[in-house]
Structure formats: C-alpha cells, structure tokens
PDB file of N, CA and C in Angstrom:
ATOM      1  N   MET A   1      15.700   4.760  19.004  1.00  0.00           N
ATOM      2  CA  MET A   1      16.695   4.988  17.972  1.00  0.00           C
ATOM      3  C   MET A   1      16.993   3.697  17.203  1.00  0.00           C
ATOM      4  N   ASN A   2      16.863   2.565  17.865  1.00  0.00           N
ATOM      5  CA  ASN A   2      17.127   1.301  17.183  1.00  0.00           C
ATOM      6  C   ASN A   2      16.094   1.024  16.091  1.00  0.00           C
ATOM      7  N   ALA A   3      14.873   1.489  16.295  1.00  0.00           N
ATOM      8  CA  ALA A   3      13.837   1.280  15.287  1.00  0.00           C
ATOM      9  C   ALA A   3      14.170   2.019  14.001  1.00  0.00           C
ATOM     10  N   VAL A   4      14.779   3.193  14.115  1.00  0.00           N
ATOM     11  CA  VAL A   4      15.145   3.970  12.927  1.00  0.00           C
ATOM     12  C   VAL A   4      16.206   3.217  12.125  1.00  0.00           C
ATOM     13  N   LEU A   5      17.110   2.559  12.800  1.00  0.00           N
ATOM     14  CA  LEU A   5      18.172   1.827  12.113  1.00  0.00           C
ATOM     15  C   LEU A   5      17.634   0.610  11.361  1.00  0.00           C
ATOM     16  N   ILE A   6      16.482   0.131  11.748  1.00  0.00           N
ATOM     17  CA  ILE A   6      15.864  -1.007  11.067  1.00  0.00           C
ATOM     18  C   ILE A   6      14.869  -0.529  10.016  1.00  0.00           C
ATOM     19  N   LEU A   7      14.037   0.450  10.366  1.00  0.00           N
ATOM     20  CA  LEU A   7      12.959   0.873   9.473  1.00  0.00           C
ATOM     21  C   LEU A   7      13.438   1.712   8.293  1.00  0.00           C
ATOM     22  N   LEU A   8      14.460   2.507   8.469  1.00  0.00           N
ATOM     23  CA  LEU A   8      14.941   3.350   7.374  1.00  0.00           C
ATOM     24  C   LEU A   8      15.495   2.522   6.215  1.00  0.00           C
ATOM     25  N   PRO A   9      16.382   1.573   6.448  1.00  0.00           N
ATOM     26  CA  PRO A   9      16.823   0.739   5.317  1.00  0.00           C
ATOM     27  C   PRO A   9      15.691  -0.096   4.710  1.00  0.00           C
ATOM     28  N   LEU A  10      14.778  -0.562   5.550  1.00  0.00           N
ATOM     29  CA  LEU A  10      13.640  -1.317   5.045  1.00  0.00           C
ATOM     30  C   LEU A  10      12.775  -0.457   4.126  1.00  0.00           C
ATOM     31  N   ALA A  11      12.515   0.769   4.528  1.00  0.00           N
ATOM     32  CA  ALA A  11      11.721   1.682   3.698  1.00  0.00           C
ATOM     33  C   ALA A  11      12.446   2.008   2.395  1.00  0.00           C
ATOM     34  N   LEU A  12      13.742   2.190   2.447  1.00  0.00           N
ATOM     35  CA  LEU A  12      14.506   2.478   1.230  1.00  0.00           C
ATOM     36  C   LEU A  12      14.506   1.275   0.286  1.00  0.00           C
ATOM     37  N   MET A  13      14.624   0.082   0.831  1.00  0.00           N
ATOM     38  CA  MET A  13      14.585  -1.115  -0.014  1.00  0.00           C
ATOM     39  C   MET A  13      13.214  -1.303  -0.653  1.00  0.00           C
ATOM     40  N   LEU A  14      12.141  -1.084   0.105  1.00  0.00           N
ATOM     41  CA  LEU A  14      10.797  -1.205  -0.462  1.00  0.00           C
ATOM     42  C   LEU A  14      10.559  -0.155  -1.537  1.00  0.00           C
ATOM     43  N   GLY A  15      11.028   1.061  -1.296  1.00  0.00           N
ATOM     44  CA  GLY A  15      10.893   2.116  -2.290  1.00  0.00           C
ATOM     45  C   GLY A  15      11.639   1.780  -3.572  1.00  0.00           C
ATOM     46  N   ALA A  16      12.839   1.240  -3.440  1.00  0.00           N
ATOM     47  CA  ALA A  16      13.617   0.844  -4.617  1.00  0.00           C
ATOM     48  C   ALA A  16      12.946  -0.315  -5.344  1.00  0.00           C
ATOM     49  N   LEU A  17      12.371  -1.238  -4.593  1.00  0.00           N
ATOM     50  CA  LEU A  17      11.673  -2.374  -5.198  1.00  0.00           C
ATOM     51  C   LEU A  17      10.475  -1.907  -6.021  1.00  0.00           C
ATOM     52  N   PHE A  18       9.643  -1.039  -5.445  1.00  0.00           N
ATOM     53  CA  PHE A  18       8.474  -0.551  -6.166  1.00  0.00           C
ATOM     54  C   PHE A  18       8.868   0.350  -7.337  1.00  0.00           C
ATOM     55  N   ALA A  19       9.946   1.111  -7.194  1.00  0.00           N
ATOM     56  CA  ALA A  19      10.429   1.905  -8.322  1.00  0.00           C
ATOM     57  C   ALA A  19      10.888   0.989  -9.457  1.00  0.00           C
ATOM     58  N   GLY A  20      11.529  -0.112  -9.108  1.00  0.00           N
ATOM     59  CA  GLY A  20      11.945  -1.082 -10.121  1.00  0.00           C
ATOM     60  C   GLY A  20      10.759  -1.711 -10.821  1.00  0.00           C
ATOM     61  N   PHE A  21       9.707  -2.059 -10.056  1.00  0.00           N
ATOM     62  CA  PHE A  21       8.493  -2.603 -10.668  1.00  0.00           C
ATOM     63  C   PHE A  21       7.859  -1.585 -11.600  1.00  0.00           C
ATOM     64  N   PHE A  22       7.819  -0.330 -11.190  1.00  0.00           N
ATOM     65  CA  PHE A  22       7.228   0.712 -12.028  1.00  0.00           C
ATOM     66  C   PHE A  22       8.029   0.897 -13.313  1.00  0.00           C
ATOM     67  N   LEU A  23       9.345   0.943 -13.199  1.00  0.00           N
ATOM     68  CA  LEU A  23      10.172   1.124 -14.391  1.00  0.00           C
ATOM     69  C   LEU A  23      10.057  -0.072 -15.338  1.00  0.00           C
ATOM     70  N   ALA A  24       9.952  -1.269 -14.793  1.00  0.00           N
ATOM     71  CA  ALA A  24       9.779  -2.450 -15.641  1.00  0.00           C
ATOM     72  C   ALA A  24       8.440  -2.395 -16.369  1.00  0.00           C
ATOM     73  N   ALA A  25       7.382  -1.985 -15.671  1.00  0.00           N
ATOM     74  CA  ALA A  25       6.068  -1.881 -16.310  1.00  0.00           C
ATOM     75  C   ALA A  25       6.068  -0.787 -17.362  1.00  0.00           C
ATOM     76  N   ALA A  26       6.726   0.332 -17.093  1.00  0.00           N
ATOM     77  CA  ALA A  26       6.794   1.410 -18.072  1.00  0.00           C
ATOM     78  C   ALA A  26       7.603   0.986 -19.294  1.00  0.00           C
ATOM     79  N   LYS A  27       8.646   0.203 -19.080  1.00  0.00           N
ATOM     80  CA  LYS A  27       9.468  -0.270 -20.197  1.00  0.00           C
ATOM     81  C   LYS A  27       8.693  -1.244 -21.075  1.00  0.00           C
ATOM     82  N   GLN A  28       7.779  -2.008 -20.495  1.00  0.00           N
ATOM     83  CA  GLN A  28       6.969  -2.948 -21.261  1.00  0.00           C
ATOM     84  C   GLN A  28       5.808  -2.269 -21.968  1.00  0.00           C
ATOM     85  N   GLY A  29       5.566  -0.983 -21.689  1.00  0.00           N
ATOM     86  CA  GLY A  29       4.539  -0.235 -22.400  1.00  0.00           C
ATOM     87  C   GLY A  29       3.156  -0.338 -21.799  1.00  0.00           C
ATOM     88  N   GLN A  30       3.041  -0.636 -20.532  1.00  0.00           N
ATOM     89  CA  GLN A  30       1.724  -0.790 -19.924  1.00  0.00           C
ATOM     90  C   GLN A  30       1.017   0.542 -19.700  1.00  0.00           C
ATOM     91  N   PHE A  31       1.732   1.653 -19.796  1.00  0.00           N
ATOM     92  CA  PHE A  31       1.128   2.955 -19.531  1.00  0.00           C
ATOM     93  C   PHE A  31       1.010   3.805 -20.793  1.00  0.00           C
ATOM     94  N   GLU A  32       1.125   3.198 -21.962  1.00  0.00           N
ATOM     95  CA  GLU A  32       1.132   3.980 -23.191  1.00  0.00           C
ATOM     96  C   GLU A  32      -0.259   4.403 -23.649  1.00  0.00           C
ATOM     97  N   ASP A  33      -1.259   3.588 -23.467  1.00  0.00           N
ATOM     98  CA  ASP A  33      -2.584   3.885 -24.005  1.00  0.00           C
ATOM     99  C   ASP A  33      -3.609   3.898 -22.869  1.00  0.00           C
ATOM    100  N   LEU A  34      -3.653   4.995 -22.135  1.00  0.00           N
ATOM    101  CA  LEU A  34      -4.559   5.080 -20.995  1.00  0.00           C
ATOM    102  C   LEU A  34      -5.911   5.683 -21.357  1.00  0.00           C
ATOM    103  N   ASP A  35      -6.030   6.328 -22.524  1.00  0.00           N
ATOM    104  CA  ASP A  35      -7.279   6.993 -22.888  1.00  0.00           C
ATOM    105  C   ASP A  35      -8.196   6.124 -23.740  1.00  0.00           C
ATOM    106  N   ASP A  36      -7.660   5.202 -24.491  1.00  0.00           N
ATOM    107  CA  ASP A  36      -8.476   4.425 -25.421  1.00  0.00           C
ATOM    108  C   ASP A  36      -9.412   3.413 -24.751  1.00  0.00           C
ATOM    109  N   PRO A  37      -9.000   2.641 -23.745  1.00  0.00           N
ATOM    110  CA  PRO A  37      -9.931   1.643 -23.176  1.00  0.00           C
ATOM    111  C   PRO A  37     -11.225   2.221 -22.601  1.00  0.00           C
ATOM    112  N   PRO A  38     -11.230   3.346 -21.890  1.00  0.00           N
ATOM    113  CA  PRO A  38     -12.526   3.868 -21.423  1.00  0.00           C
ATOM    114  C   PRO A  38     -13.414   4.352 -22.574  1.00  0.00           C
ATOM    115  N   VAL A  39     -12.816   4.897 -23.609  1.00  0.00           N
ATOM    116  CA  VAL A  39     -13.584   5.382 -24.756  1.00  0.00           C
ATOM    117  C   VAL A  39     -14.115   4.201 -25.556  1.00  0.00           C
ATOM    118  N   ARG A  40     -13.365   3.114 -25.589  1.00  0.00           N
ATOM    119  CA  ARG A  40     -13.777   1.924 -26.325  1.00  0.00           C
ATOM    120  C   ARG A  40     -15.084   1.354 -25.772  1.00  0.00           C
ATOM    121  N   LEU A  41     -15.346   1.524 -24.485  1.00  0.00           N
ATOM    122  CA  LEU A  41     -16.586   1.052 -23.901  1.00  0.00           C
ATOM    123  C   LEU A  41     -17.797   1.804 -24.442  1.00  0.00           C
ATOM    124  N   LEU A  42     -17.585   3.055 -24.841  1.00  0.00           N
ATOM    125  CA  LEU A  42     -18.691   3.884 -25.308  1.00  0.00           C
ATOM    126  C   LEU A  42     -19.096   3.573 -26.743  1.00  0.00           C
ATOM    127  N   HIS A  43     -18.191   3.003 -27.518  1.00  0.00           N
ATOM    128  CA  HIS A  43     -18.486   2.688 -28.917  1.00  0.00           C
ATOM    129  C   HIS A  43     -19.036   1.274 -29.011  1.00  0.00           C
ATOM    130  N   ASP A  44     -20.250   1.161 -29.450  1.00  0.00           N
ATOM    131  CA  ASP A  44     -20.905  -0.137 -29.591  1.00  0.00           C
ATOM    132  C   ASP A  44     -20.661  -0.645 -31.010  1.00  0.00           C
ATOM    133  N   GLU A  45     -19.970  -1.763 -31.133  1.00  0.00           N
ATOM    134  CA  GLU A  45     -19.633  -2.284 -32.458  1.00  0.00           C
ATOM    135  C   GLU A  45     -20.648  -3.304 -32.952  1.00  0.00           C
ATOM    136  N   ASP A  46     -21.679  -3.577 -32.219  1.00  0.00           N
ATOM    137  CA  ASP A  46     -22.679  -4.556 -32.641  1.00  0.00           C
ATOM    138  C   ASP A  46     -23.581  -4.010 -33.726  1.00  0.00           C
TER     139      ASP A  46
END
C-alpha cells in the first residue's frame, strides 16, 4: 500500500508534465503542417 502512495502522485505529476509539454508544442504550432513534409520529398525541384 505504501508503493501506491508514492507511485500515484509521481504518475500524476509525470502526466501533467507531459501534458504541459504537449500543450506548449501545440501552442507553438509544431503540429500544424503534418502532411506537407512527406509530400515535399516526392517533388524534385532540381
């Protein structure tokens, strides 16, 4: 039972940390253009 008292808050803190990282990345626009880079490889501009 003591492990639950340690691991549960730790898991919640890690989850909140990663959610914060995700929201910060989404706010900076890192997930806006997911389709263009793979297609850009197919177009040869030379």
